[in-house]
Amino acid sequence: MPSSWGHGFATEACTAVLGWFDGAHAGEAISLCTQTANRASMRLAARLGFDEVERFEAYDAEQWLGVRRPNRP
């Protein structure tokens, strides 16, 4: 909901999920994909430690593929 945007809820939720993932799947990378037009999601991915792997076209829009490798803060 737009009224919830910008309050850190996504950061808090994603940080919790990634913490669980790191414990349950130690040593494994995780990837994500978002549209490049979604600047907020791309900033969040960067804050969470995801690095860009590639950009490609799908669903009539440019997509961003990122990966978070193990042992990242």
PDB file of N, CA and C in Angstrom:
ATOM      1  N   MET A   1       0.844  -1.182   0.000  1.00  0.00           N
ATOM      2  CA  MET A   1       0.000   0.000   0.000  1.00  0.00           C
ATOM      3  C   MET A   1       0.886   1.241   0.000  1.00  0.00           C
ATOM      4  N   PRO A   2       0.586   2.179  -0.832  1.00  0.00           N
ATOM      5  CA  PRO A   2       1.401   3.385  -0.899  1.00  0.00           C
ATOM      6  C   PRO A   2       1.565   4.098   0.441  1.00  0.00           C
ATOM      7  N   SER A   3       0.574   4.017   1.311  1.00  0.00           N
ATOM      8  CA  SER A   3       0.700   4.684   2.620  1.00  0.00           C
ATOM      9  C   SER A   3       1.780   4.047   3.488  1.00  0.00           C
ATOM     10  N   SER A   4       2.214   2.854   3.137  1.00  0.00           N
ATOM     11  CA  SER A   4       3.264   2.154   3.892  1.00  0.00           C
ATOM     12  C   SER A   4       4.649   2.350   3.300  1.00  0.00           C
ATOM     13  N   TRP A   5       4.728   2.917   2.098  1.00  0.00           N
ATOM     14  CA  TRP A   5       6.005   3.099   1.434  1.00  0.00           C
ATOM     15  C   TRP A   5       6.885   4.073   2.206  1.00  0.00           C
ATOM     16  N   GLY A   6       8.176   3.777   2.243  1.00  0.00           N
ATOM     17  CA  GLY A   6       9.140   4.695   2.845  1.00  0.00           C
ATOM     18  C   GLY A   6       9.277   4.609   4.348  1.00  0.00           C
ATOM     19  N   HIS A   7       8.671   3.609   4.967  1.00  0.00           N
ATOM     20  CA  HIS A   7       8.740   3.462   6.420  1.00  0.00           C
ATOM     21  C   HIS A   7       9.697   2.361   6.870  1.00  0.00           C
ATOM     22  N   GLY A   8      10.377   1.722   5.922  1.00  0.00           N
ATOM     23  CA  GLY A   8      11.353   0.701   6.267  1.00  0.00           C
ATOM     24  C   GLY A   8      10.792  -0.694   6.460  1.00  0.00           C
ATOM     25  N   PHE A   9       9.517  -0.894   6.170  1.00  0.00           N
ATOM     26  CA  PHE A   9       8.922  -2.219   6.370  1.00  0.00           C
ATOM     27  C   PHE A   9       9.555  -3.261   5.466  1.00  0.00           C
ATOM     28  N   ALA A  10       9.814  -2.914   4.210  1.00  0.00           N
ATOM     29  CA  ALA A  10      10.425  -3.868   3.277  1.00  0.00           C
ATOM     30  C   ALA A  10      11.839  -4.212   3.729  1.00  0.00           C
ATOM     31  N   THR A  11      12.588  -3.207   4.162  1.00  0.00           N
ATOM     32  CA  THR A  11      13.951  -3.459   4.646  1.00  0.00           C
ATOM     33  C   THR A  11      13.931  -4.394   5.842  1.00  0.00           C
ATOM     34  N   GLU A  12      13.034  -4.127   6.778  1.00  0.00           N
ATOM     35  CA  GLU A  12      12.936  -4.965   7.975  1.00  0.00           C
ATOM     36  C   GLU A  12      12.547  -6.403   7.622  1.00  0.00           C
ATOM     37  N   ALA A  13      11.565  -6.558   6.772  1.00  0.00           N
ATOM     38  CA  ALA A  13      11.111  -7.896   6.392  1.00  0.00           C
ATOM     39  C   ALA A  13      12.191  -8.645   5.615  1.00  0.00           C
ATOM     40  N   CYS A  14      12.801  -7.986   4.654  1.00  0.00           N
ATOM     41  CA  CYS A  14      13.833  -8.646   3.840  1.00  0.00           C
ATOM     42  C   CYS A  14      15.059  -8.999   4.663  1.00  0.00           C
ATOM     43  N   THR A  15      15.443  -8.141   5.583  1.00  0.00           N
ATOM     44  CA  THR A  15      16.579  -8.429   6.458  1.00  0.00           C
ATOM     45  C   THR A  15      16.298  -9.674   7.295  1.00  0.00           C
ATOM     46  N   ALA A  16      15.083  -9.797   7.805  1.00  0.00           N
ATOM     47  CA  ALA A  16      14.714 -10.976   8.592  1.00  0.00           C
ATOM     48  C   ALA A  16      14.747 -12.240   7.733  1.00  0.00           C
ATOM     49  N   VAL A  17      14.204 -12.176   6.545  1.00  0.00           N
ATOM     50  CA  VAL A  17      14.185 -13.343   5.654  1.00  0.00           C
ATOM     51  C   VAL A  17      15.605 -13.738   5.265  1.00  0.00           C
ATOM     52  N   LEU A  18      16.444 -12.763   4.937  1.00  0.00           N
ATOM     53  CA  LEU A  18      17.825 -13.079   4.557  1.00  0.00           C
ATOM     54  C   LEU A  18      18.608 -13.647   5.737  1.00  0.00           C
ATOM     55  N   GLY A  19      18.332 -13.170   6.936  1.00  0.00           N
ATOM     56  CA  GLY A  19      18.962 -13.744   8.124  1.00  0.00           C
ATOM     57  C   GLY A  19      18.585 -15.201   8.305  1.00  0.00           C
ATOM     58  N   TRP A  20      17.287 -15.497   8.121  1.00  0.00           N
ATOM     59  CA  TRP A  20      16.843 -16.888   8.197  1.00  0.00           C
ATOM     60  C   TRP A  20      17.519 -17.704   7.102  1.00  0.00           C
ATOM     61  N   PHE A  21      17.523 -17.187   5.871  1.00  0.00           N
ATOM     62  CA  PHE A  21      18.109 -17.905   4.739  1.00  0.00           C
ATOM     63  C   PHE A  21      19.574 -18.228   5.007  1.00  0.00           C
ATOM     64  N   ASP A  22      20.324 -17.258   5.514  1.00  0.00           N
ATOM     65  CA  ASP A  22      21.748 -17.480   5.789  1.00  0.00           C
ATOM     66  C   ASP A  22      21.958 -18.599   6.801  1.00  0.00           C
ATOM     67  N   GLY A  23      21.067 -18.696   7.778  1.00  0.00           N
ATOM     68  CA  GLY A  23      21.168 -19.766   8.768  1.00  0.00           C
ATOM     69  C   GLY A  23      20.743 -21.117   8.230  1.00  0.00           C
ATOM     70  N   ALA A  24      19.703 -21.125   7.426  1.00  0.00           N
ATOM     71  CA  ALA A  24      19.152 -22.374   6.902  1.00  0.00           C
ATOM     72  C   ALA A  24      19.909 -22.903   5.687  1.00  0.00           C
ATOM     73  N   HIS A  25      20.556 -22.000   4.966  1.00  0.00           N
ATOM     74  CA  HIS A  25      21.230 -22.386   3.722  1.00  0.00           C
ATOM     75  C   HIS A  25      22.627 -21.762   3.670  1.00  0.00           C
ATOM     76  N   ALA A  26      23.375 -21.972   4.713  1.00  0.00           N
ATOM     77  CA  ALA A  26      24.709 -21.367   4.816  1.00  0.00           C
ATOM     78  C   ALA A  26      25.549 -21.655   3.578  1.00  0.00           C
ATOM     79  N   GLY A  27      26.211 -20.615   3.088  1.00  0.00           N
ATOM     80  CA  GLY A  27      27.100 -20.776   1.957  1.00  0.00           C
ATOM     81  C   GLY A  27      26.438 -20.680   0.593  1.00  0.00           C
ATOM     82  N   GLU A  28      25.118 -20.484   0.551  1.00  0.00           N
ATOM     83  CA  GLU A  28      24.418 -20.408  -0.726  1.00  0.00           C
ATOM     84  C   GLU A  28      24.103 -18.967  -1.091  1.00  0.00           C
ATOM     85  N   ALA A  29      24.172 -18.675  -2.359  1.00  0.00           N
ATOM     86  CA  ALA A  29      23.802 -17.354  -2.861  1.00  0.00           C
ATOM     87  C   ALA A  29      22.290 -17.288  -3.049  1.00  0.00           C
ATOM     88  N   ILE A  30      21.771 -16.086  -3.128  1.00  0.00           N
ATOM     89  CA  ILE A  30      20.347 -15.885  -3.398  1.00  0.00           C
ATOM     90  C   ILE A  30      20.238 -14.804  -4.471  1.00  0.00           C
ATOM     91  N   SER A  31      19.258 -14.933  -5.342  1.00  0.00           N
ATOM     92  CA  SER A  31      19.108 -13.960  -6.421  1.00  0.00           C
ATOM     93  C   SER A  31      17.733 -13.311  -6.354  1.00  0.00           C
ATOM     94  N   LEU A  32      17.621 -12.172  -7.022  1.00  0.00           N
ATOM     95  CA  LEU A  32      16.335 -11.483  -7.127  1.00  0.00           C
ATOM     96  C   LEU A  32      16.249 -10.789  -8.467  1.00  0.00           C
ATOM     97  N   CYS A  33      15.028 -10.504  -8.847  1.00  0.00           N
ATOM     98  CA  CYS A  33      14.779  -9.815 -10.113  1.00  0.00           C
ATOM     99  C   CYS A  33      13.725  -8.747  -9.862  1.00  0.00           C
ATOM    100  N   THR A  34      13.951  -7.561 -10.422  1.00  0.00           N
ATOM    101  CA  THR A  34      12.971  -6.482 -10.353  1.00  0.00           C
ATOM    102  C   THR A  34      13.092  -5.644 -11.613  1.00  0.00           C
ATOM    103  N   GLN A  35      12.085  -4.881 -11.901  1.00  0.00           N
ATOM    104  CA  GLN A  35      12.164  -3.987 -13.046  1.00  0.00           C
ATOM    105  C   GLN A  35      13.064  -2.802 -12.715  1.00  0.00           C
ATOM    106  N   THR A  36      13.862  -2.375 -13.682  1.00  0.00           N
ATOM    107  CA  THR A  36      14.743  -1.229 -13.453  1.00  0.00           C
ATOM    108  C   THR A  36      13.947   0.040 -13.179  1.00  0.00           C
ATOM    109  N   ALA A  37      12.715   0.097 -13.634  1.00  0.00           N
ATOM    110  CA  ALA A  37      11.867   1.262 -13.360  1.00  0.00           C
ATOM    111  C   ALA A  37      11.496   1.353 -11.878  1.00  0.00           C
ATOM    112  N   ASN A  38      11.621   0.253 -11.149  1.00  0.00           N
ATOM    113  CA  ASN A  38      11.297   0.246  -9.721  1.00  0.00           C
ATOM    114  C   ASN A  38      12.543   0.632  -8.934  1.00  0.00           C
ATOM    115  N   ARG A  39      12.839   1.914  -8.921  1.00  0.00           N
ATOM    116  CA  ARG A  39      14.058   2.422  -8.289  1.00  0.00           C
ATOM    117  C   ARG A  39      14.126   2.097  -6.797  1.00  0.00           C
ATOM    118  N   ALA A  40      13.011   2.132  -6.105  1.00  0.00           N
ATOM    119  CA  ALA A  40      13.013   1.829  -4.674  1.00  0.00           C
ATOM    120  C   ALA A  40      13.461   0.392  -4.420  1.00  0.00           C
ATOM    121  N   SER A  41      12.994  -0.539  -5.231  1.00  0.00           N
ATOM    122  CA  SER A  41      13.401  -1.941  -5.068  1.00  0.00           C
ATOM    123  C   SER A  41      14.876  -2.125  -5.393  1.00  0.00           C
ATOM    124  N   MET A  42      15.368  -1.403  -6.368  1.00  0.00           N
ATOM    125  CA  MET A  42      16.792  -1.508  -6.706  1.00  0.00           C
ATOM    126  C   MET A  42      17.661  -0.940  -5.581  1.00  0.00           C
ATOM    127  N   ARG A  43      17.227   0.168  -4.960  1.00  0.00           N
ATOM    128  CA  ARG A  43      17.975   0.724  -3.817  1.00  0.00           C
ATOM    129  C   ARG A  43      17.954  -0.247  -2.643  1.00  0.00           C
ATOM    130  N   LEU A  44      16.808  -0.863  -2.399  1.00  0.00           N
ATOM    131  CA  LEU A  44      16.703  -1.843  -1.325  1.00  0.00           C
ATOM    132  C   LEU A  44      17.624  -3.024  -1.585  1.00  0.00           C
ATOM    133  N   ALA A  45      17.645  -3.517  -2.800  1.00  0.00           N
ATOM    134  CA  ALA A  45      18.524  -4.640  -3.147  1.00  0.00           C
ATOM    135  C   ALA A  45      19.981  -4.284  -2.883  1.00  0.00           C
ATOM    136  N   ALA A  46      20.384  -3.076  -3.233  1.00  0.00           N
ATOM    137  CA  ALA A  46      21.766  -2.641  -2.983  1.00  0.00           C
ATOM    138  C   ALA A  46      22.050  -2.582  -1.489  1.00  0.00           C
ATOM    139  N   ARG A  47      21.126  -2.036  -0.705  1.00  0.00           N
ATOM    140  CA  ARG A  47      21.316  -1.975   0.754  1.00  0.00           C
ATOM    141  C   ARG A  47      21.429  -3.360   1.372  1.00  0.00           C
ATOM    142  N   LEU A  48      20.738  -4.325   0.783  1.00  0.00           N
ATOM    143  CA  LEU A  48      20.747  -5.686   1.310  1.00  0.00           C
ATOM    144  C   LEU A  48      21.951  -6.497   0.838  1.00  0.00           C
ATOM    145  N   GLY A  49      22.786  -5.906  -0.012  1.00  0.00           N
ATOM    146  CA  GLY A  49      24.008  -6.577  -0.437  1.00  0.00           C
ATOM    147  C   GLY A  49      23.932  -7.302  -1.761  1.00  0.00           C
ATOM    148  N   PHE A  50      22.906  -7.029  -2.562  1.00  0.00           N
ATOM    149  CA  PHE A  50      22.791  -7.648  -3.876  1.00  0.00           C
ATOM    150  C   PHE A  50      23.618  -6.872  -4.887  1.00  0.00           C
ATOM    151  N   ASP A  51      24.320  -7.590  -5.737  1.00  0.00           N
ATOM    152  CA  ASP A  51      25.114  -7.009  -6.812  1.00  0.00           C
ATOM    153  C   ASP A  51      24.453  -7.324  -8.147  1.00  0.00           C
ATOM    154  N   GLU A  52      24.498  -6.367  -9.056  1.00  0.00           N
ATOM    155  CA  GLU A  52      23.906  -6.572 -10.377  1.00  0.00           C
ATOM    156  C   GLU A  52      24.664  -7.652 -11.138  1.00  0.00           C
ATOM    157  N   VAL A  53      23.897  -8.571 -11.745  1.00  0.00           N
ATOM    158  CA  VAL A  53      24.453  -9.617 -12.585  1.00  0.00           C
ATOM    159  C   VAL A  53      24.191  -9.275 -14.050  1.00  0.00           C
ATOM    160  N   GLU A  54      22.958  -8.881 -14.333  1.00  0.00           N
ATOM    161  CA  GLU A  54      22.626  -8.515 -15.706  1.00  0.00           C
ATOM    162  C   GLU A  54      21.307  -7.769 -15.754  1.00  0.00           C
ATOM    163  N   ARG A  55      21.074  -7.152 -16.902  1.00  0.00           N
ATOM    164  CA  ARG A  55      19.792  -6.532 -17.225  1.00  0.00           C
ATOM    165  C   ARG A  55      19.292  -7.191 -18.504  1.00  0.00           C
ATOM    166  N   PHE A  56      17.988  -7.369 -18.586  1.00  0.00           N
ATOM    167  CA  PHE A  56      17.402  -8.018 -19.753  1.00  0.00           C
ATOM    168  C   PHE A  56      15.966  -7.553 -19.927  1.00  0.00           C
ATOM    169  N   GLU A  57      15.406  -7.813 -21.089  1.00  0.00           N
ATOM    170  CA  GLU A  57      14.029  -7.447 -21.386  1.00  0.00           C
ATOM    171  C   GLU A  57      13.103  -8.632 -21.125  1.00  0.00           C
ATOM    172  N   ALA A  58      12.035  -8.376 -20.414  1.00  0.00           N
ATOM    173  CA  ALA A  58      10.978  -9.370 -20.185  1.00  0.00           C
ATOM    174  C   ALA A  58       9.718  -8.625 -19.761  1.00  0.00           C
ATOM    175  N   TYR A  59       8.575  -9.163 -20.064  1.00  0.00           N
ATOM    176  CA  TYR A  59       7.300  -8.544 -19.695  1.00  0.00           C
ATOM    177  C   TYR A  59       7.212  -7.101 -20.190  1.00  0.00           C
ATOM    178  N   ASP A  60       7.786  -6.853 -21.347  1.00  0.00           N
ATOM    179  CA  ASP A  60       7.758  -5.520 -21.975  1.00  0.00           C
ATOM    180  C   ASP A  60       8.444  -4.445 -21.137  1.00  0.00           C
ATOM    181  N   ALA A  61       9.447  -4.840 -20.355  1.00  0.00           N
ATOM    182  CA  ALA A  61      10.183  -3.871 -19.540  1.00  0.00           C
ATOM    183  C   ALA A  61      11.592  -4.387 -19.260  1.00  0.00           C
ATOM    184  N   GLU A  62      12.493  -3.460 -18.977  1.00  0.00           N
ATOM    185  CA  GLU A  62      13.852  -3.854 -18.606  1.00  0.00           C
ATOM    186  C   GLU A  62      13.840  -4.410 -17.184  1.00  0.00           C
ATOM    187  N   GLN A  63      14.483  -5.558 -17.008  1.00  0.00           N
ATOM    188  CA  GLN A  63      14.558  -6.234 -15.718  1.00  0.00           C
ATOM    189  C   GLN A  63      15.990  -6.156 -15.181  1.00  0.00           C
ATOM    190  N   TRP A  64      16.121  -6.231 -13.886  1.00  0.00           N
ATOM    191  CA  TRP A  64      17.411  -6.197 -13.194  1.00  0.00           C
ATOM    192  C   TRP A  64      17.560  -7.496 -12.410  1.00  0.00           C
ATOM    193  N   LEU A  65      18.644  -8.237 -12.650  1.00  0.00           N
ATOM    194  CA  LEU A  65      18.923  -9.469 -11.930  1.00  0.00           C
ATOM    195  C   LEU A  65      20.101  -9.224 -11.009  1.00  0.00           C
ATOM    196  N   GLY A  66      19.916  -9.502  -9.740  1.00  0.00           N
ATOM    197  CA  GLY A  66      20.977  -9.321  -8.757  1.00  0.00           C
ATOM    198  C   GLY A  66      21.225 -10.590  -7.978  1.00  0.00           C
ATOM    199  N   VAL A  67      22.407 -10.689  -7.375  1.00  0.00           N
ATOM    200  CA  VAL A  67      22.763 -11.847  -6.557  1.00  0.00           C
ATOM    201  C   VAL A  67      23.409 -11.351  -5.267  1.00  0.00           C
ATOM    202  N   ARG A  68      23.105 -12.045  -4.200  1.00  0.00           N
ATOM    203  CA  ARG A  68      23.719 -11.794  -2.890  1.00  0.00           C
ATOM    204  C   ARG A  68      24.489 -13.053  -2.545  1.00  0.00           C
ATOM    205  N   ARG A  69      25.797 -12.912  -2.522  1.00  0.00           N
ATOM    206  CA  ARG A  69      26.654 -14.059  -2.256  1.00  0.00           C
ATOM    207  C   ARG A  69      26.805 -14.267  -0.759  1.00  0.00           C
ATOM    208  N   PRO A  70      27.162 -15.475  -0.332  1.00  0.00           N
ATOM    209  CA  PRO A  70      27.319 -15.750   1.100  1.00  0.00           C
ATOM    210  C   PRO A  70      28.419 -14.916   1.730  1.00  0.00           C
ATOM    211  N   ASN A  71      28.341 -14.792   3.055  1.00  0.00           N
ATOM    212  CA  ASN A  71      29.334 -14.086   3.868  1.00  0.00           C
ATOM    213  C   ASN A  71      29.389 -12.600   3.564  1.00  0.00           C
ATOM    214  N   ARG A  72      28.247 -12.012   3.264  1.00  0.00           N
ATOM    215  CA  ARG A  72      28.151 -10.557   3.067  1.00  0.00           C
ATOM    216  C   ARG A  72      27.505  -9.963   4.300  1.00  0.00           C
ATOM    217  N   PRO A  73      27.904  -8.771   4.670  1.00  0.00           N
ATOM    218  CA  PRO A  73      27.235  -8.124   5.825  1.00  0.00           C
ATOM    219  C   PRO A  73      25.815  -7.765   5.540  1.00  0.00           C
TER     220      PRO A  73
END
